[in-house]
N, C-alpha and C. Protein backbone atom coordinates (compact mmCIF):
# COMPACT_ATOMS: atom_id res chain seq x y z
N MET A 1 98.70 18.41 50.63
CA MET A 1 98.98 19.61 51.32
C MET A 1 98.98 19.38 52.52
N GLN A 2 99.66 20.55 52.80
CA GLN A 2 99.86 20.82 54.11
C GLN A 2 98.74 21.94 55.21
N ILE A 3 98.56 21.37 56.30
CA ILE A 3 97.90 23.11 56.88
C ILE A 3 97.68 23.57 58.74
N PHE A 4 97.52 23.92 59.04
CA PHE A 4 97.94 24.45 59.64
C PHE A 4 96.35 24.08 61.19
N VAL A 5 96.93 23.76 62.15
CA VAL A 5 95.84 23.89 62.95
C VAL A 5 96.22 24.87 64.04
N SER A 6 95.27 26.05 64.91
CA SER A 6 95.86 26.48 66.06
C SER A 6 94.90 26.06 66.57
N TYR A 7 95.42 26.12 67.72
CA TYR A 7 94.56 24.92 69.45
C TYR A 7 94.38 26.44 70.37
N PRO A 8 93.27 26.11 71.34
CA PRO A 8 93.13 27.17 72.11
C PRO A 8 93.48 27.57 72.91
N GLN A 9 94.53 26.78 73.28
CA GLN A 9 96.29 27.13 74.15
C GLN A 9 97.12 28.04 73.72
N GLY A 10 96.76 27.88 71.95
CA GLY A 10 97.96 29.12 71.44
C GLY A 10 98.92 28.49 70.60
N SER A 11 99.02 27.06 70.68
CA SER A 11 99.72 26.29 70.29
C SER A 11 99.42 25.81 68.95
N THR A 12 100.35 26.07 67.44
CA THR A 12 99.58 25.52 66.24
C THR A 12 100.45 24.27 65.70
N ARG A 13 99.98 23.42 65.02
CA ARG A 13 100.63 22.14 64.35
C ARG A 13 100.34 21.63 63.00
N ALA A 14 101.21 21.54 62.18
CA ALA A 14 100.72 21.46 61.50
C ALA A 14 100.64 19.40 60.75
N TYR A 15 99.32 19.53 59.77
CA TYR A 15 99.01 18.06 59.08
C TYR A 15 98.78 18.40 57.64
N GLU A 16 99.39 17.03 57.65
CA GLU A 16 100.07 16.93 56.03
C GLU A 16 98.76 16.08 55.61
N VAL A 17 97.46 16.94 54.79
CA VAL A 17 96.47 15.95 54.44
C VAL A 17 96.25 15.66 52.71
N ASP A 18 95.57 15.27 52.24
CA ASP A 18 94.79 15.01 51.14
C ASP A 18 94.04 16.62 50.88
N SER A 19 93.98 17.42 49.80
CA SER A 19 92.82 17.80 49.06
C SER A 19 91.09 16.78 49.61
N ASP A 20 91.05 15.85 49.61
CA ASP A 20 89.94 15.16 49.26
C ASP A 20 89.56 14.53 50.40
N THR A 21 90.42 14.98 51.64
CA THR A 21 90.52 14.36 53.30
C THR A 21 88.62 15.09 53.41
N SER A 22 88.41 14.22 54.11
CA SER A 22 87.09 15.32 55.35
C SER A 22 87.05 16.05 56.25
N VAL A 23 86.42 16.81 56.39
CA VAL A 23 86.38 17.39 57.57
C VAL A 23 86.76 16.88 59.20
N GLU A 24 85.38 15.68 58.86
CA GLU A 24 85.51 14.41 59.87
C GLU A 24 86.87 14.15 60.10
N SER A 25 87.50 13.51 59.52
CA SER A 25 88.58 12.73 58.93
C SER A 25 89.70 13.71 59.79
N LEU A 26 89.75 15.08 59.30
CA LEU A 26 90.59 15.89 60.20
C LEU A 26 90.56 16.13 61.65
N LYS A 27 89.22 15.98 62.04
CA LYS A 27 88.90 16.57 63.45
C LYS A 27 89.44 14.34 64.34
N LEU A 28 89.24 13.50 63.44
CA LEU A 28 90.10 12.53 64.02
C LEU A 28 91.19 12.77 64.23
N MET A 29 92.46 13.63 63.27
CA MET A 29 93.56 13.01 63.20
C MET A 29 93.56 13.92 64.53
N VAL A 30 92.68 15.28 64.66
CA VAL A 30 93.14 16.26 65.77
C VAL A 30 92.80 15.10 67.30
N GLU A 31 92.29 14.65 67.14
CA GLU A 31 91.42 14.01 68.29
C GLU A 31 92.92 13.33 68.42
N ASN A 32 93.54 11.89 67.50
CA ASN A 32 94.38 11.84 68.45
C ASN A 32 95.77 12.30 68.40
N GLN A 33 95.95 13.52 68.34
CA GLN A 33 96.70 14.59 68.89
C GLN A 33 96.78 15.02 70.43
N THR A 34 95.50 15.57 69.99
CA THR A 34 95.37 16.03 71.65
C THR A 34 94.40 15.58 72.34
N PHE A 35 93.51 14.44 72.12
CA PHE A 35 92.70 13.95 73.04
C PHE A 35 91.50 14.71 73.79
N ILE A 36 91.29 15.44 72.22
CA ILE A 36 90.36 16.28 73.11
C ILE A 36 89.09 15.82 71.60
N PRO A 37 88.24 14.83 72.33
CA PRO A 37 87.03 14.31 71.88
C PRO A 37 86.25 15.47 70.89
N SER A 38 85.96 14.37 69.11
CA SER A 38 85.87 15.41 68.15
C SER A 38 84.54 15.78 67.74
N GLY A 39 83.95 15.40 68.80
CA GLY A 39 82.55 15.62 69.37
C GLY A 39 82.59 17.08 70.16
N LEU A 40 83.21 17.04 70.33
CA LEU A 40 83.00 18.83 71.63
C LEU A 40 84.58 20.00 70.52
N CYS A 41 84.71 19.37 69.03
CA CYS A 41 86.03 20.08 68.28
C CYS A 41 85.00 20.82 67.05
N ARG A 42 85.19 22.18 67.07
CA ARG A 42 84.42 22.58 65.79
C ARG A 42 85.27 23.57 64.84
N LEU A 43 85.99 23.21 63.81
CA LEU A 43 86.55 23.86 62.86
C LEU A 43 86.53 25.03 62.32
N VAL A 44 87.33 25.94 62.15
CA VAL A 44 86.30 27.41 61.83
C VAL A 44 88.20 27.55 61.02
N ASP A 45 87.61 28.22 59.89
CA ASP A 45 88.80 28.82 59.04
C ASP A 45 89.09 30.20 59.12
N ALA A 46 89.47 31.17 58.57
CA ALA A 46 90.11 32.01 59.01
C ALA A 46 88.08 33.01 58.19
N ASN A 47 88.19 32.93 57.78
CA ASN A 47 86.92 33.63 57.20
C ASN A 47 85.56 33.19 57.97
N SER A 48 85.63 32.50 59.06
CA SER A 48 85.06 32.23 60.05
C SER A 48 83.39 31.79 59.72
N THR A 49 84.10 30.70 58.96
CA THR A 49 83.19 30.05 58.93
C THR A 49 83.19 28.93 59.51
N THR A 50 81.84 28.03 59.88
CA THR A 50 82.38 26.58 60.65
C THR A 50 82.82 25.33 59.64
N LEU A 51 83.67 24.73 59.64
CA LEU A 51 83.74 23.49 58.71
C LEU A 51 82.79 22.38 59.16
N THR A 52 81.91 21.81 58.43
CA THR A 52 80.98 20.89 58.61
C THR A 52 81.07 19.63 57.33
N GLY A 53 81.19 18.74 57.58
CA GLY A 53 80.67 17.83 56.65
C GLY A 53 81.87 17.71 55.23
N GLY A 54 81.61 17.05 54.10
CA GLY A 54 82.26 17.80 53.01
C GLY A 54 83.71 17.05 52.92
N SER A 55 84.10 17.55 51.73
CA SER A 55 85.94 17.43 51.65
C SER A 55 86.45 19.18 52.13
N LEU A 56 87.77 18.89 52.34
CA LEU A 56 88.26 19.83 52.87
C LEU A 56 88.63 21.10 51.10
N ALA A 57 88.56 20.84 49.95
CA ALA A 57 89.27 21.30 49.08
C ALA A 57 87.18 21.97 49.18
N ALA A 58 86.41 21.13 48.98
CA ALA A 58 85.02 21.99 48.51
C ALA A 58 84.48 22.84 49.64
N MET A 59 85.20 23.12 51.11
CA MET A 59 85.16 23.72 52.69
C MET A 59 86.12 24.93 51.71
N GLY A 60 87.01 24.81 50.74
CA GLY A 60 87.31 26.30 50.69
C GLY A 60 89.10 26.19 51.42
N ILE A 61 89.32 25.39 51.52
CA ILE A 61 90.38 24.81 52.37
C ILE A 61 92.23 24.66 51.40
N GLU A 62 93.15 26.09 51.37
CA GLU A 62 94.09 25.44 49.96
C GLU A 62 95.58 24.68 51.07
N GLU A 63 96.05 24.80 50.21
CA GLU A 63 97.49 24.59 50.28
C GLU A 63 98.14 25.67 51.90
N ASP A 64 98.63 25.81 53.52
CA ASP A 64 99.24 26.02 54.32
C ASP A 64 98.10 27.16 54.38
N ASP A 65 96.63 26.66 54.50
CA ASP A 65 95.93 27.64 55.01
C ASP A 65 96.19 27.65 56.56
N THR A 66 96.04 28.60 57.68
CA THR A 66 95.50 27.99 58.60
C THR A 66 94.22 27.56 59.35
N VAL A 67 93.39 26.89 60.04
CA VAL A 67 92.20 26.56 60.73
C VAL A 67 92.41 26.38 62.66
N THR A 68 90.99 26.73 62.90
CA THR A 68 91.57 27.33 64.08
C THR A 68 90.68 26.26 64.70
N LEU A 69 91.22 25.64 65.77
CA LEU A 69 90.00 24.70 66.46
C LEU A 69 89.59 25.32 67.71
N MET A 70 87.82 25.50 67.84
CA MET A 70 87.18 25.67 68.43
C MET A 70 86.61 24.58 69.97
N LEU A 71 86.55 25.16 70.68
CA LEU A 71 85.47 23.90 71.52
C LEU A 71 84.41 24.37 71.91
N ASP A 72 83.00 23.21 71.58
CA ASP A 72 82.20 23.36 72.04
C ASP A 72 81.31 23.32 73.24
N VAL A 73 82.02 24.27 74.25
CA VAL A 73 81.75 23.63 76.04
C VAL A 73 80.23 24.38 76.51
N GLU A 74 79.96 23.52 76.82
CA GLU A 74 78.31 24.73 77.64
C GLU A 74 78.80 24.56 78.58
N GLY A 75 78.48 25.74 79.13
CA GLY A 75 78.32 26.18 80.37
C GLY A 75 78.02 27.37 81.14
N GLY A 76 78.71 27.71 82.11
CA GLY A 76 77.54 28.49 82.93
C GLY A 76 77.18 28.46 83.86
N MET A 77 76.61 29.62 84.75
CA MET A 77 75.94 28.76 85.85
C MET A 77 74.72 29.25 85.93
N ARG A 78 74.05 27.91 86.84
CA ARG A 78 72.47 28.13 86.70
C ARG A 78 71.66 28.84 86.99
N ARG A 79 71.06 29.57 86.41
CA ARG A 79 69.93 31.22 86.94
C ARG A 79 69.90 30.84 88.57
N LYS A 80 69.68 30.34 88.80
CA LYS A 80 68.62 30.67 90.09
C LYS A 80 70.72 30.24 91.23
N TRP A 81 71.66 29.53 90.63
CA TRP A 81 72.42 29.73 91.50
C TRP A 81 73.58 31.21 91.42
N ARG A 82 73.38 31.79 90.02
CA ARG A 82 73.71 33.14 89.54
C ARG A 82 73.07 34.34 90.39
N LYS A 83 71.78 34.01 90.70
CA LYS A 83 70.67 35.01 90.92
C LYS A 83 71.29 35.19 92.54
N LYS A 84 71.65 33.57 93.28
CA LYS A 84 72.01 33.67 94.50
C LYS A 84 72.86 34.63 94.78
N ARG A 85 74.27 34.07 94.00
CA ARG A 85 75.92 34.70 93.78
C ARG A 85 75.79 36.55 93.81
N MET A 86 74.81 36.85 93.03
CA MET A 86 74.54 38.50 92.68
C MET A 86 73.67 38.76 94.06
N ARG A 87 73.19 38.51 94.66
CA ARG A 87 72.25 38.63 95.56
C ARG A 87 73.64 38.96 96.71
N ARG A 88 74.35 37.51 97.00
CA ARG A 88 75.10 37.50 98.29
C ARG A 88 76.05 39.19 98.20
N LEU A 89 76.56 39.28 96.67
CA LEU A 89 77.44 40.53 95.92
C LEU A 89 77.55 41.75 96.54
N ARG A 90 75.96 41.61 95.53
CA ARG A 90 75.44 43.54 96.74
C ARG A 90 74.74 43.53 98.38
N ARG A 91 74.44 42.73 99.12
CA ARG A 91 74.76 42.82 99.86
C ARG A 91 76.23 42.59 100.61
N LYS A 92 77.18 41.90 100.14
CA LYS A 92 78.80 42.30 100.60
C LYS A 92 78.74 44.03 99.78
N ARG A 93 78.45 44.18 98.93
CA ARG A 93 79.39 45.78 98.61
C ARG A 93 78.27 46.55 99.47
N ARG A 94 76.69 46.55 99.88
CA ARG A 94 76.02 47.46 100.56
C ARG A 94 76.96 47.72 102.03
N LYS A 95 77.31 46.46 102.47
CA LYS A 95 78.24 46.65 103.45
C LYS A 95 79.27 47.08 103.93
N MET A 96 80.13 46.58 103.03
CA MET A 96 81.33 47.36 102.78
C MET A 96 81.24 49.31 102.33
N GLY A 97 80.53 49.58 101.82
CA GLY A 97 79.85 50.58 101.75
C GLY A 97 79.28 51.80 102.76
N GLN A 98 78.88 50.69 104.32
CA GLN A 98 78.14 51.19 105.37
C GLN A 98 79.79 51.40 105.90
N ARG A 99 80.48 50.06 106.10
CA ARG A 99 81.79 50.29 107.29
C ARG A 99 82.62 51.67 106.52
N ALA A 100 82.43 51.98 105.34
CA ALA A 100 83.07 53.55 105.11
C ALA A 100 82.91 54.52 105.37
N ARG A 101 82.46 54.58 105.89
CA ARG A 101 81.40 55.49 106.11
C ARG A 101 81.67 56.14 107.50
């Protein structure tokens, strides 16, 4: 069967797989094409369910379905840095307000 994988960049690619193909092997196929590590990938069906383990048929994936590739990226600023940055921005706004008077 043929399924489509939608990437974060906006592109979509078709993959030819069997219905008994596991989700992990699909992640490895995606890794071979995009060089995104399979550990960082998360596959989400149109029903907003995260696909984990088992076969594609068991997860409800059928012919010509589109699966979205999401990246599990940890990020954000450390609390200490965010606090310091916000303090600087408030100080800068206050100065700009005083200059405008």
